[in-house]
Amino acid sequence: MPSATVLPKLVPISFLAVVLIWSTTPLGIVWSSESVHPTMAVLLRMVIALVIGSLIILFSRIRLPWHKRAFKLYAFSSIGIVGGMLLSYFAARYLPSGTMSLIFGLSPLLSGILAQKLLNEPKFGPLRVLALLLAFTGLGVVCSTKLSLGNDSWIGLVLVLSAVCLFSLSGVLIKTVKLQIHPIASTVGALLFSTPMFAIAWIIFDGTVPLDTWSIKSMGAILYLGIFGSLIGFIAYFYILQHLNASTVALVTLITPVFAMALGAQLNGETISETLIIGASLVLGGLAIYQFGDKLAKNRRRSQQI
């Protein structure tokens, strides 16, 4: 546990790191897949993360659990890593990075729905039902924009929606495993399970290594995602979960889509239409109500009783 003098400095830095990494990850996926096949791009990313993570465990002497319950945790984590990432890399060929980030912002809502079924959590109250309606209305507006273009955007939408569903399912299933484990050990264990699956996907969908066609931009994006997206980002996220309340951490899902869309427009020439802004506003508004609506309503009732 960090000392009290170090904690105030590390928490804001970690929070900022998560926001920046999550905001840049969709654009990194798009860039890494420009000249490298998606299956190879994500495989290289995972290999980099696995090698560095394994070295950290080796030299830091962090214990890597190797028993049935740990295997279950790694397997559940792999659902989100393999399903979520692999489908996202394929979707990057059809969708702008900002749209991908916006749709991934729906994960807290989908996780809440799945948690009712798998974790027996309470059903949504009126405010959260309203949040769902707003968010999915916004998603419909975003989808209508993409589908009206008359190209293959619908393929990307189906892929990224499937990725979000698998990512959300993975997060809920992980909560069913009661195991105290270091976050780096959990990451490396999940990578040990998932990396071979990425290798199989590469063999099935590509199986070639055309080094002469790989651009420096794609290779740089892969390296960035391997080090920051798959290791540092996770460690920073786990750290802020330990030291900040859930409502503060939830701000990440509201901030990152906005940053991701701005970065996509500035650095990748992605178009932000008025319809997309309307749809994004509805999605983010729904997320805000979902995360903070009940708490604000309780505070208001409490203040009226005083």
C-alpha atoms as a PDB file:
ATOM      1  CA  MET A   1       0.000   0.000   0.000  1.00  0.00           C
ATOM      2  CA  PRO A   2       1.450   3.403  -0.955  1.00  0.00           C
ATOM      3  CA  SER A   3       2.231   5.781   1.847  1.00  0.00           C
ATOM      4  CA  ALA A   4      -0.044   8.722   2.620  1.00  0.00           C
ATOM      5  CA  THR A   5       2.508  11.187   1.208  1.00  0.00           C
ATOM      6  CA  VAL A   6       2.769   9.335  -2.112  1.00  0.00           C
ATOM      7  CA  LEU A   7      -0.925   8.545  -2.541  1.00  0.00           C
ATOM      8  CA  PRO A   8      -2.177  12.054  -3.508  1.00  0.00           C
ATOM      9  CA  LYS A   9       0.363  12.222  -6.334  1.00  0.00           C
ATOM     10  CA  LEU A  10      -0.187   8.714  -7.703  1.00  0.00           C
ATOM     11  CA  VAL A  11      -3.983   8.699  -7.758  1.00  0.00           C
ATOM     12  CA  PRO A  12      -4.437  11.686 -10.122  1.00  0.00           C
ATOM     13  CA  ILE A  13      -1.599  10.426 -12.315  1.00  0.00           C
ATOM     14  CA  SER A  14      -3.152   6.962 -12.506  1.00  0.00           C
ATOM     15  CA  PHE A  15      -6.605   8.380 -13.264  1.00  0.00           C
ATOM     16  CA  LEU A  16      -5.171  10.571 -16.019  1.00  0.00           C
ATOM     17  CA  ALA A  17      -3.239   7.581 -17.388  1.00  0.00           C
ATOM     18  CA  VAL A  18      -6.417   5.486 -17.646  1.00  0.00           C
ATOM     19  CA  VAL A  19      -8.299   8.293 -19.413  1.00  0.00           C
ATOM     20  CA  LEU A  20      -5.469   8.921 -21.884  1.00  0.00           C
ATOM     21  CA  ILE A  21      -4.815   5.236 -22.603  1.00  0.00           C
ATOM     22  CA  TRP A  22      -8.490   4.328 -23.016  1.00  0.00           C
ATOM     23  CA  SER A  23      -9.021   7.411 -25.204  1.00  0.00           C
ATOM     24  CA  THR A  24      -6.128   6.557 -27.515  1.00  0.00           C
ATOM     25  CA  THR A  25      -6.658   2.786 -27.672  1.00  0.00           C
ATOM     26  CA  PRO A  26      -9.384   2.841 -30.410  1.00  0.00           C
ATOM     27  CA  LEU A  27      -7.208   5.052 -32.624  1.00  0.00           C
ATOM     28  CA  GLY A  28      -4.241   2.777 -31.915  1.00  0.00           C
ATOM     29  CA  ILE A  29      -6.296  -0.215 -33.053  1.00  0.00           C
ATOM     30  CA  VAL A  30      -7.235   1.565 -36.290  1.00  0.00           C
ATOM     31  CA  TRP A  31      -3.624   2.579 -37.009  1.00  0.00           C
ATOM     32  CA  SER A  32      -2.151  -0.820 -36.129  1.00  0.00           C
ATOM     33  CA  SER A  33      -4.547  -2.514 -38.574  1.00  0.00           C
ATOM     34  CA  GLU A  34      -3.805  -0.172 -41.481  1.00  0.00           C
ATOM     35  CA  SER A  35      -0.924  -2.216 -42.879  1.00  0.00           C
ATOM     36  CA  VAL A  36      -0.932  -5.261 -40.571  1.00  0.00           C
ATOM     37  CA  HIS A  37      -3.680  -7.884 -40.656  1.00  0.00           C
ATOM     38  CA  PRO A  38      -5.942  -7.465 -37.581  1.00  0.00           C
ATOM     39  CA  THR A  39      -5.143 -10.941 -36.243  1.00  0.00           C
ATOM     40  CA  MET A  40      -1.387 -10.336 -36.502  1.00  0.00           C
ATOM     41  CA  ALA A  41      -1.702  -6.837 -35.018  1.00  0.00           C
ATOM     42  CA  VAL A  42      -3.539  -8.054 -31.923  1.00  0.00           C
ATOM     43  CA  LEU A  43      -1.296 -11.150 -31.626  1.00  0.00           C
ATOM     44  CA  LEU A  44       1.860  -9.008 -31.603  1.00  0.00           C
ATOM     45  CA  ARG A  45       0.250  -6.702 -29.042  1.00  0.00           C
ATOM     46  CA  MET A  46      -0.524  -9.614 -26.741  1.00  0.00           C
ATOM     47  CA  VAL A  47       2.935 -11.149 -27.138  1.00  0.00           C
ATOM     48  CA  ILE A  48       4.586  -7.845 -26.189  1.00  0.00           C
ATOM     49  CA  ALA A  49       2.346  -7.496 -23.135  1.00  0.00           C
ATOM     50  CA  LEU A  50       2.901 -11.130 -22.127  1.00  0.00           C
ATOM     51  CA  VAL A  51       6.697 -10.926 -22.386  1.00  0.00           C
ATOM     52  CA  ILE A  52       6.946  -7.672 -20.421  1.00  0.00           C
ATOM     53  CA  GLY A  53       4.413  -8.821 -17.836  1.00  0.00           C
ATOM     54  CA  SER A  54       6.224 -12.132 -17.353  1.00  0.00           C
ATOM     55  CA  LEU A  55       9.523 -10.307 -16.823  1.00  0.00           C
ATOM     56  CA  ILE A  56       7.897  -8.044 -14.215  1.00  0.00           C
ATOM     57  CA  ILE A  57       6.554 -11.090 -12.360  1.00  0.00           C
ATOM     58  CA  LEU A  58       9.929 -12.839 -12.571  1.00  0.00           C
ATOM     59  CA  PHE A  59      12.003  -9.961 -11.230  1.00  0.00           C
ATOM     60  CA  SER A  60       9.403  -8.686  -8.754  1.00  0.00           C
ATOM     61  CA  ARG A  61       8.776 -12.211  -7.424  1.00  0.00           C
ATOM     62  CA  ILE A  62       5.025 -11.783  -7.719  1.00  0.00           C
ATOM     63  CA  ARG A  63       3.251 -15.103  -7.201  1.00  0.00           C
ATOM     64  CA  LEU A  64       1.279 -16.404 -10.189  1.00  0.00           C
ATOM     65  CA  PRO A  65      -1.477 -18.710  -8.851  1.00  0.00           C
ATOM     66  CA  TRP A  66      -1.742 -21.969 -10.771  1.00  0.00           C
ATOM     67  CA  HIS A  67      -4.782 -23.807  -9.436  1.00  0.00           C
ATOM     68  CA  LYS A  68      -8.368 -24.504 -10.489  1.00  0.00           C
ATOM     69  CA  ARG A  69      -9.879 -21.251  -9.204  1.00  0.00           C
ATOM     70  CA  ALA A  70      -7.120 -19.193 -10.806  1.00  0.00           C
ATOM     71  CA  PHE A  71      -7.630 -21.034 -14.113  1.00  0.00           C
ATOM     72  CA  LYS A  72     -11.312 -20.127 -13.920  1.00  0.00           C
ATOM     73  CA  LEU A  73     -10.412 -16.462 -13.413  1.00  0.00           C
ATOM     74  CA  TYR A  74      -7.974 -16.493 -16.343  1.00  0.00           C
ATOM     75  CA  ALA A  75     -10.524 -18.221 -18.568  1.00  0.00           C
ATOM     76  CA  PHE A  76     -13.262 -15.687 -17.760  1.00  0.00           C
ATOM     77  CA  SER A  77     -10.792 -12.851 -18.371  1.00  0.00           C
ATOM     78  CA  SER A  78      -9.907 -14.397 -21.734  1.00  0.00           C
ATOM     79  CA  ILE A  79     -13.514 -14.054 -22.899  1.00  0.00           C
ATOM     80  CA  GLY A  80     -13.193 -10.285 -22.760  1.00  0.00           C
ATOM     81  CA  ILE A  81      -9.629 -10.201 -24.061  1.00  0.00           C
ATOM     82  CA  VAL A  82     -10.072 -12.559 -27.011  1.00  0.00           C
ATOM     83  CA  GLY A  83     -13.688 -11.814 -27.914  1.00  0.00           C
ATOM     84  CA  GLY A  84     -13.579  -8.108 -27.137  1.00  0.00           C
ATOM     85  CA  MET A  85     -10.221  -7.332 -28.739  1.00  0.00           C
ATOM     86  CA  LEU A  86     -10.319  -9.638 -31.744  1.00  0.00           C
ATOM     87  CA  LEU A  87     -13.733  -8.405 -32.851  1.00  0.00           C
ATOM     88  CA  SER A  88     -12.691  -4.795 -32.209  1.00  0.00           C
ATOM     89  CA  TYR A  89      -9.656  -5.192 -34.454  1.00  0.00           C
ATOM     90  CA  PHE A  90     -11.840  -6.519 -37.261  1.00  0.00           C
ATOM     91  CA  ALA A  91     -14.362  -3.709 -36.657  1.00  0.00           C
ATOM     92  CA  ALA A  92     -11.594  -1.109 -36.980  1.00  0.00           C
ATOM     93  CA  ARG A  93     -11.571  -1.708 -40.733  1.00  0.00           C
ATOM     94  CA  TYR A  94     -15.175  -0.508 -41.011  1.00  0.00           C
ATOM     95  CA  LEU A  95     -15.668   2.104 -38.262  1.00  0.00           C
ATOM     96  CA  PRO A  96     -13.943   5.298 -37.057  1.00  0.00           C
ATOM     97  CA  SER A  97     -12.114   5.030 -33.738  1.00  0.00           C
ATOM     98  CA  GLY A  98     -14.441   7.560 -32.062  1.00  0.00           C
ATOM     99  CA  THR A  99     -17.542   5.516 -32.874  1.00  0.00           C
ATOM    100  CA  MET A 100     -15.905   2.378 -31.492  1.00  0.00           C
ATOM    101  CA  SER A 101     -15.060   4.158 -28.241  1.00  0.00           C
ATOM    102  CA  LEU A 102     -18.607   5.509 -27.936  1.00  0.00           C
ATOM    103  CA  ILE A 103     -20.173   2.065 -28.362  1.00  0.00           C
ATOM    104  CA  PHE A 104     -17.724   0.563 -25.846  1.00  0.00           C
ATOM    105  CA  GLY A 105     -18.962   3.194 -23.403  1.00  0.00           C
ATOM    106  CA  LEU A 106     -22.182   1.167 -23.202  1.00  0.00           C
ATOM    107  CA  SER A 107     -20.361  -1.593 -21.301  1.00  0.00           C
ATOM    108  CA  PRO A 108     -21.483  -0.426 -17.799  1.00  0.00           C
ATOM    109  CA  LEU A 109     -25.131  -0.633 -18.891  1.00  0.00           C
ATOM    110  CA  LEU A 110     -24.736  -4.078 -20.458  1.00  0.00           C
ATOM    111  CA  SER A 111     -22.793  -5.246 -17.400  1.00  0.00           C
ATOM    112  CA  GLY A 112     -25.647  -4.069 -15.181  1.00  0.00           C
ATOM    113  CA  ILE A 113     -28.168  -6.076 -17.195  1.00  0.00           C
ATOM    114  CA  LEU A 114     -25.977  -9.200 -17.124  1.00  0.00           C
ATOM    115  CA  ALA A 115     -25.285  -8.785 -13.394  1.00  0.00           C
ATOM    116  CA  GLN A 116     -29.028  -9.060 -12.696  1.00  0.00           C
ATOM    117  CA  LYS A 117     -29.078 -12.468 -14.356  1.00  0.00           C
ATOM    118  CA  LEU A 118     -25.704 -13.868 -13.251  1.00  0.00           C
ATOM    119  CA  LEU A 119     -25.081 -12.161  -9.886  1.00  0.00           C
ATOM    120  CA  ASN A 120     -28.695 -11.718  -8.758  1.00  0.00           C
ATOM    121  CA  GLU A 121     -28.230  -7.961  -8.437  1.00  0.00           C
ATOM    122  CA  PRO A 122     -31.370  -5.806  -7.912  1.00  0.00           C
ATOM    123  CA  LYS A 123     -33.433  -4.860 -10.949  1.00  0.00           C
ATOM    124  CA  PHE A 124     -33.087  -1.369 -12.396  1.00  0.00           C
ATOM    125  CA  GLY A 125     -35.145   1.429 -10.904  1.00  0.00           C
ATOM    126  CA  PRO A 126     -37.010   4.015 -13.017  1.00  0.00           C
ATOM    127  CA  LEU A 127     -33.950   6.244 -13.479  1.00  0.00           C
ATOM    128  CA  ARG A 128     -31.772   3.413 -14.736  1.00  0.00           C
ATOM    129  CA  VAL A 129     -34.506   2.242 -17.089  1.00  0.00           C
ATOM    130  CA  LEU A 130     -34.628   5.811 -18.423  1.00  0.00           C
ATOM    131  CA  ALA A 131     -30.833   5.720 -18.765  1.00  0.00           C
ATOM    132  CA  LEU A 132     -31.034   2.536 -20.827  1.00  0.00           C
ATOM    133  CA  LEU A 133     -33.686   4.011 -23.115  1.00  0.00           C
ATOM    134  CA  LEU A 134     -31.647   7.187 -23.653  1.00  0.00           C
ATOM    135  CA  ALA A 135     -28.383   5.357 -24.279  1.00  0.00           C
ATOM    136  CA  PHE A 136     -29.814   2.843 -26.723  1.00  0.00           C
ATOM    137  CA  THR A 137     -31.786   5.575 -28.502  1.00  0.00           C
ATOM    138  CA  GLY A 138     -28.479   7.377 -28.942  1.00  0.00           C
ATOM    139  CA  LEU A 139     -26.910   4.170 -30.207  1.00  0.00           C
ATOM    140  CA  GLY A 140     -29.742   3.868 -32.721  1.00  0.00           C
ATOM    141  CA  VAL A 141     -29.054   7.415 -33.935  1.00  0.00           C
ATOM    142  CA  VAL A 142     -25.323   6.633 -34.305  1.00  0.00           C
ATOM    143  CA  CYS A 143     -26.090   3.394 -36.147  1.00  0.00           C
ATOM    144  CA  SER A 144     -28.547   5.110 -38.483  1.00  0.00           C
ATOM    145  CA  THR A 145     -25.794   7.536 -39.471  1.00  0.00           C
ATOM    146  CA  LYS A 146     -23.409   4.738 -40.322  1.00  0.00           C
ATOM    147  CA  LEU A 147     -25.978   2.598 -42.114  1.00  0.00           C
ATOM    148  CA  SER A 148     -27.169   5.513 -44.218  1.00  0.00           C
ATOM    149  CA  LEU A 149     -23.708   5.773 -45.751  1.00  0.00           C
ATOM    150  CA  GLY A 150     -24.504   2.711 -47.855  1.00  0.00           C
ATOM    151  CA  ASN A 151     -21.185   0.944 -47.254  1.00  0.00           C
ATOM    152  CA  ASP A 152     -20.001  -1.900 -45.022  1.00  0.00           C
ATOM    153  CA  SER A 153     -20.284   0.073 -41.762  1.00  0.00           C
ATOM    154  CA  TRP A 154     -23.018  -2.289 -40.561  1.00  0.00           C
ATOM    155  CA  ILE A 155     -20.389  -5.059 -40.399  1.00  0.00           C
ATOM    156  CA  GLY A 156     -18.271  -2.949 -38.063  1.00  0.00           C
ATOM    157  CA  LEU A 157     -21.304  -2.101 -35.922  1.00  0.00           C
ATOM    158  CA  VAL A 158     -22.224  -5.772 -35.502  1.00  0.00           C
ATOM    159  CA  LEU A 159     -18.616  -6.669 -34.679  1.00  0.00           C
ATOM    160  CA  VAL A 160     -18.069  -3.931 -32.100  1.00  0.00           C
ATOM    161  CA  LEU A 161     -21.477  -4.536 -30.448  1.00  0.00           C
ATOM    162  CA  SER A 162     -20.574  -8.222 -30.142  1.00  0.00           C
ATOM    163  CA  ALA A 163     -17.201  -7.202 -28.703  1.00  0.00           C
ATOM    164  CA  VAL A 164     -18.856  -5.011 -26.067  1.00  0.00           C
ATOM    165  CA  CYS A 165     -21.244  -7.828 -25.110  1.00  0.00           C
ATOM    166  CA  LEU A 166     -18.354 -10.269 -24.624  1.00  0.00           C
ATOM    167  CA  PHE A 167     -16.304  -7.658 -22.735  1.00  0.00           C
ATOM    168  CA  SER A 168     -19.233  -6.958 -20.393  1.00  0.00           C
ATOM    169  CA  LEU A 169     -19.956 -10.667 -19.907  1.00  0.00           C
ATOM    170  CA  SER A 170     -16.316 -11.262 -19.029  1.00  0.00           C
ATOM    171  CA  GLY A 171     -16.345  -8.515 -16.386  1.00  0.00           C
ATOM    172  CA  VAL A 172     -19.456  -9.934 -14.721  1.00  0.00           C
ATOM    173  CA  LEU A 173     -18.156 -13.523 -14.764  1.00  0.00           C
ATOM    174  CA  ILE A 174     -14.875 -12.388 -13.184  1.00  0.00           C
ATOM    175  CA  LYS A 175     -16.877 -11.111 -10.188  1.00  0.00           C
ATOM    176  CA  THR A 176     -18.107 -14.653  -9.548  1.00  0.00           C
ATOM    177  CA  VAL A 177     -14.534 -15.812  -8.793  1.00  0.00           C
ATOM    178  CA  LYS A 178     -13.485 -15.011  -5.230  1.00  0.00           C
ATOM    179  CA  LEU A 179      -9.707 -14.854  -5.370  1.00  0.00           C
ATOM    180  CA  GLN A 180      -7.161 -12.433  -3.921  1.00  0.00           C
ATOM    181  CA  ILE A 181      -4.577 -11.952  -6.654  1.00  0.00           C
ATOM    182  CA  HIS A 182      -2.082  -9.301  -7.709  1.00  0.00           C
ATOM    183  CA  PRO A 183      -3.348  -7.350 -10.760  1.00  0.00           C
ATOM    184  CA  ILE A 184      -0.160  -8.048 -12.723  1.00  0.00           C
ATOM    185  CA  ALA A 185      -0.486 -11.782 -11.983  1.00  0.00           C
ATOM    186  CA  SER A 186      -4.119 -11.683 -13.094  1.00  0.00           C
ATOM    187  CA  THR A 187      -3.122  -9.933 -16.318  1.00  0.00           C
ATOM    188  CA  VAL A 188      -0.290 -12.336 -17.125  1.00  0.00           C
ATOM    189  CA  GLY A 189      -2.451 -15.364 -16.313  1.00  0.00           C
ATOM    190  CA  ALA A 190      -5.177 -14.113 -18.640  1.00  0.00           C
ATOM    191  CA  LEU A 191      -2.587 -13.414 -21.360  1.00  0.00           C
ATOM    192  CA  LEU A 192      -1.188 -16.936 -21.014  1.00  0.00           C
ATOM    193  CA  PHE A 193      -4.673 -18.282 -21.711  1.00  0.00           C
ATOM    194  CA  SER A 194      -5.635 -15.844 -24.476  1.00  0.00           C
ATOM    195  CA  THR A 195      -2.431 -15.417 -26.510  1.00  0.00           C
ATOM    196  CA  PRO A 196      -2.565 -18.950 -27.997  1.00  0.00           C
ATOM    197  CA  MET A 197      -6.141 -18.227 -29.130  1.00  0.00           C
ATOM    198  CA  PHE A 198      -4.933 -15.118 -30.964  1.00  0.00           C
ATOM    199  CA  ALA A 199      -2.250 -17.260 -32.609  1.00  0.00           C
ATOM    200  CA  ILE A 200      -4.900 -19.734 -33.780  1.00  0.00           C
ATOM    201  CA  ALA A 201      -7.015 -16.847 -35.122  1.00  0.00           C
ATOM    202  CA  TRP A 202      -4.001 -15.542 -37.053  1.00  0.00           C
ATOM    203  CA  ILE A 203      -3.369 -18.981 -38.578  1.00  0.00           C
ATOM    204  CA  ILE A 204      -7.031 -19.306 -39.610  1.00  0.00           C
ATOM    205  CA  PHE A 205      -7.615 -15.802 -41.000  1.00  0.00           C
ATOM    206  CA  ASP A 206      -4.180 -14.862 -42.322  1.00  0.00           C
ATOM    207  CA  GLY A 207      -1.142 -17.037 -41.612  1.00  0.00           C
ATOM    208  CA  THR A 208       1.296 -14.755 -43.450  1.00  0.00           C
ATOM    209  CA  VAL A 209       4.069 -12.398 -42.293  1.00  0.00           C
ATOM    210  CA  PRO A 210       4.471  -9.792 -45.088  1.00  0.00           C
ATOM    211  CA  LEU A 211       7.026  -7.645 -43.274  1.00  0.00           C
ATOM    212  CA  ASP A 212       7.673  -5.496 -46.347  1.00  0.00           C
ATOM    213  CA  THR A 213       4.104  -4.129 -46.264  1.00  0.00           C
ATOM    214  CA  TRP A 214       4.093  -3.183 -42.569  1.00  0.00           C
ATOM    215  CA  SER A 215       4.299   0.566 -41.976  1.00  0.00           C
ATOM    216  CA  ILE A 216       6.201   2.282 -39.182  1.00  0.00           C
ATOM    217  CA  LYS A 217       2.933   3.844 -37.975  1.00  0.00           C
ATOM    218  CA  SER A 218       1.280   0.441 -37.588  1.00  0.00           C
ATOM    219  CA  MET A 219       4.282  -1.037 -35.799  1.00  0.00           C
ATOM    220  CA  GLY A 220       4.476   1.959 -33.475  1.00  0.00           C
ATOM    221  CA  ALA A 221       0.768   1.599 -32.661  1.00  0.00           C
ATOM    222  CA  ILE A 222       1.208  -2.108 -31.904  1.00  0.00           C
ATOM    223  CA  LEU A 223       4.146  -1.371 -29.587  1.00  0.00           C
ATOM    224  CA  TYR A 224       2.179   1.375 -27.831  1.00  0.00           C
ATOM    225  CA  LEU A 225      -0.861  -0.847 -27.326  1.00  0.00           C
ATOM    226  CA  GLY A 226       1.267  -3.747 -26.098  1.00  0.00           C
ATOM    227  CA  ILE A 227       3.024  -1.692 -23.427  1.00  0.00           C
ATOM    228  CA  PHE A 228       0.391   0.862 -22.438  1.00  0.00           C
ATOM    229  CA  GLY A 229      -2.965  -0.522 -23.578  1.00  0.00           C
ATOM    230  CA  SER A 230      -2.448  -4.068 -22.291  1.00  0.00           C
ATOM    231  CA  LEU A 231      -0.237  -3.535 -19.213  1.00  0.00           C
ATOM    232  CA  ILE A 232       0.106  -0.027 -17.816  1.00  0.00           C
ATOM    233  CA  GLY A 233      -3.527   0.850 -18.493  1.00  0.00           C
ATOM    234  CA  PHE A 234      -4.793  -2.180 -16.586  1.00  0.00           C
ATOM    235  CA  ILE A 235      -2.468  -1.631 -13.629  1.00  0.00           C
ATOM    236  CA  ALA A 236      -3.466   2.050 -13.407  1.00  0.00           C
ATOM    237  CA  TYR A 237      -7.163   1.142 -13.612  1.00  0.00           C
ATOM    238  CA  PHE A 238      -6.862  -1.422 -10.823  1.00  0.00           C
ATOM    239  CA  TYR A 239      -4.978   1.129  -8.727  1.00  0.00           C
ATOM    240  CA  ILE A 240      -7.662   3.821  -8.978  1.00  0.00           C
ATOM    241  CA  LEU A 241     -10.329   1.202  -8.221  1.00  0.00           C
ATOM    242  CA  GLN A 242      -8.544   0.592  -4.911  1.00  0.00           C
ATOM    243  CA  HIS A 243      -8.278   4.251  -3.937  1.00  0.00           C
ATOM    244  CA  LEU A 244     -11.280   6.029  -5.473  1.00  0.00           C
ATOM    245  CA  ASN A 245     -15.000   5.435  -5.062  1.00  0.00           C
ATOM    246  CA  ALA A 246     -16.903   3.732  -7.864  1.00  0.00           C
ATOM    247  CA  SER A 247     -18.737   6.894  -8.961  1.00  0.00           C
ATOM    248  CA  THR A 248     -15.450   8.722  -9.534  1.00  0.00           C
ATOM    249  CA  VAL A 249     -13.966   5.833 -11.487  1.00  0.00           C
ATOM    250  CA  ALA A 250     -17.169   5.724 -13.560  1.00  0.00           C
ATOM    251  CA  LEU A 251     -16.282   9.164 -14.937  1.00  0.00           C
ATOM    252  CA  VAL A 252     -13.745   7.369 -17.159  1.00  0.00           C
ATOM    253  CA  THR A 253     -16.535   5.889 -19.313  1.00  0.00           C
ATOM    254  CA  LEU A 254     -18.009   9.383 -19.799  1.00  0.00           C
ATOM    255  CA  ILE A 255     -14.727  11.152 -20.598  1.00  0.00           C
ATOM    256  CA  THR A 256     -12.978   8.701 -22.917  1.00  0.00           C
ATOM    257  CA  PRO A 257     -15.548   8.639 -25.797  1.00  0.00           C
ATOM    258  CA  VAL A 258     -15.383  12.440 -26.053  1.00  0.00           C
ATOM    259  CA  PHE A 259     -11.569  12.431 -26.127  1.00  0.00           C
ATOM    260  CA  ALA A 260     -11.502   9.487 -28.545  1.00  0.00           C
ATOM    261  CA  MET A 261     -13.808  11.210 -31.028  1.00  0.00           C
ATOM    262  CA  ALA A 262     -11.783  14.440 -30.800  1.00  0.00           C
ATOM    263  CA  LEU A 263      -8.511  12.561 -31.337  1.00  0.00           C
ATOM    264  CA  GLY A 264      -9.969  10.638 -34.263  1.00  0.00           C
ATOM    265  CA  ALA A 265     -11.067  13.885 -35.906  1.00  0.00           C
ATOM    266  CA  GLN A 266      -7.771  15.683 -35.311  1.00  0.00           C
ATOM    267  CA  LEU A 267      -5.264  12.897 -35.950  1.00  0.00           C
ATOM    268  CA  ASN A 268      -7.099  10.580 -38.335  1.00  0.00           C
ATOM    269  CA  GLY A 269      -9.371  12.914 -40.270  1.00  0.00           C
ATOM    270  CA  GLU A 270     -12.559  11.265 -38.975  1.00  0.00           C
ATOM    271  CA  THR A 271     -15.805  13.154 -39.615  1.00  0.00           C
ATOM    272  CA  ILE A 272     -17.979  14.226 -36.686  1.00  0.00           C
ATOM    273  CA  SER A 273     -21.447  14.971 -38.070  1.00  0.00           C
ATOM    274  CA  GLU A 274     -24.310  16.716 -36.281  1.00  0.00           C
ATOM    275  CA  THR A 275     -26.220  13.424 -36.138  1.00  0.00           C
ATOM    276  CA  LEU A 276     -23.237  11.715 -34.519  1.00  0.00           C
ATOM    277  CA  ILE A 277     -23.015  14.491 -31.929  1.00  0.00           C
ATOM    278  CA  ILE A 278     -26.740  14.096 -31.131  1.00  0.00           C
ATOM    279  CA  GLY A 279     -26.386  10.318 -30.822  1.00  0.00           C
ATOM    280  CA  ALA A 280     -23.241  10.620 -28.699  1.00  0.00           C
ATOM    281  CA  SER A 281     -24.951  13.149 -26.408  1.00  0.00           C
ATOM    282  CA  LEU A 282     -27.862  10.757 -25.844  1.00  0.00           C
ATOM    283  CA  VAL A 283     -25.507   7.843 -25.115  1.00  0.00           C
ATOM    284  CA  LEU A 284     -23.366   9.868 -22.699  1.00  0.00           C
ATOM    285  CA  GLY A 285     -26.463  11.385 -21.098  1.00  0.00           C
ATOM    286  CA  GLY A 286     -27.842   7.889 -20.514  1.00  0.00           C
ATOM    287  CA  LEU A 287     -24.524   6.791 -19.022  1.00  0.00           C
ATOM    288  CA  ALA A 288     -24.471   9.809 -16.706  1.00  0.00           C
ATOM    289  CA  ILE A 289     -28.002   9.068 -15.451  1.00  0.00           C
ATOM    290  CA  TYR A 290     -27.114   5.389 -15.050  1.00  0.00           C
ATOM    291  CA  GLN A 291     -23.991   6.136 -13.004  1.00  0.00           C
ATOM    292  CA  PHE A 292     -25.132   9.099 -10.920  1.00  0.00           C
ATOM    293  CA  GLY A 293     -28.937   9.399 -11.197  1.00  0.00           C
ATOM    294  CA  ASP A 294     -29.906   7.277  -8.192  1.00  0.00           C
ATOM    295  CA  LYS A 295     -27.299   8.925  -5.970  1.00  0.00           C
ATOM    296  CA  LEU A 296     -28.405  12.442  -6.911  1.00  0.00           C
ATOM    297  CA  ALA A 297     -32.068  11.500  -6.367  1.00  0.00           C
ATOM    298  CA  LYS A 298     -31.279  10.135  -2.882  1.00  0.00           C
ATOM    299  CA  ASN A 299     -29.337  13.276  -1.961  1.00  0.00           C
ATOM    300  CA  ARG A 300     -32.227  15.450  -3.137  1.00  0.00           C
ATOM    301  CA  ARG A 301     -34.771  13.496  -1.084  1.00  0.00           C
ATOM    302  CA  ARG A 302     -32.467  13.683   1.927  1.00  0.00           C
ATOM    303  CA  SER A 303     -32.082  17.453   1.611  1.00  0.00           C
ATOM    304  CA  GLN A 304     -35.871  17.899   1.340  1.00  0.00           C
ATOM    305  CA  GLN A 305     -36.363  15.979   4.589  1.00  0.00           C
ATOM    306  CA  ILE A 306     -33.999  18.248   6.526  1.00  0.00           C
END
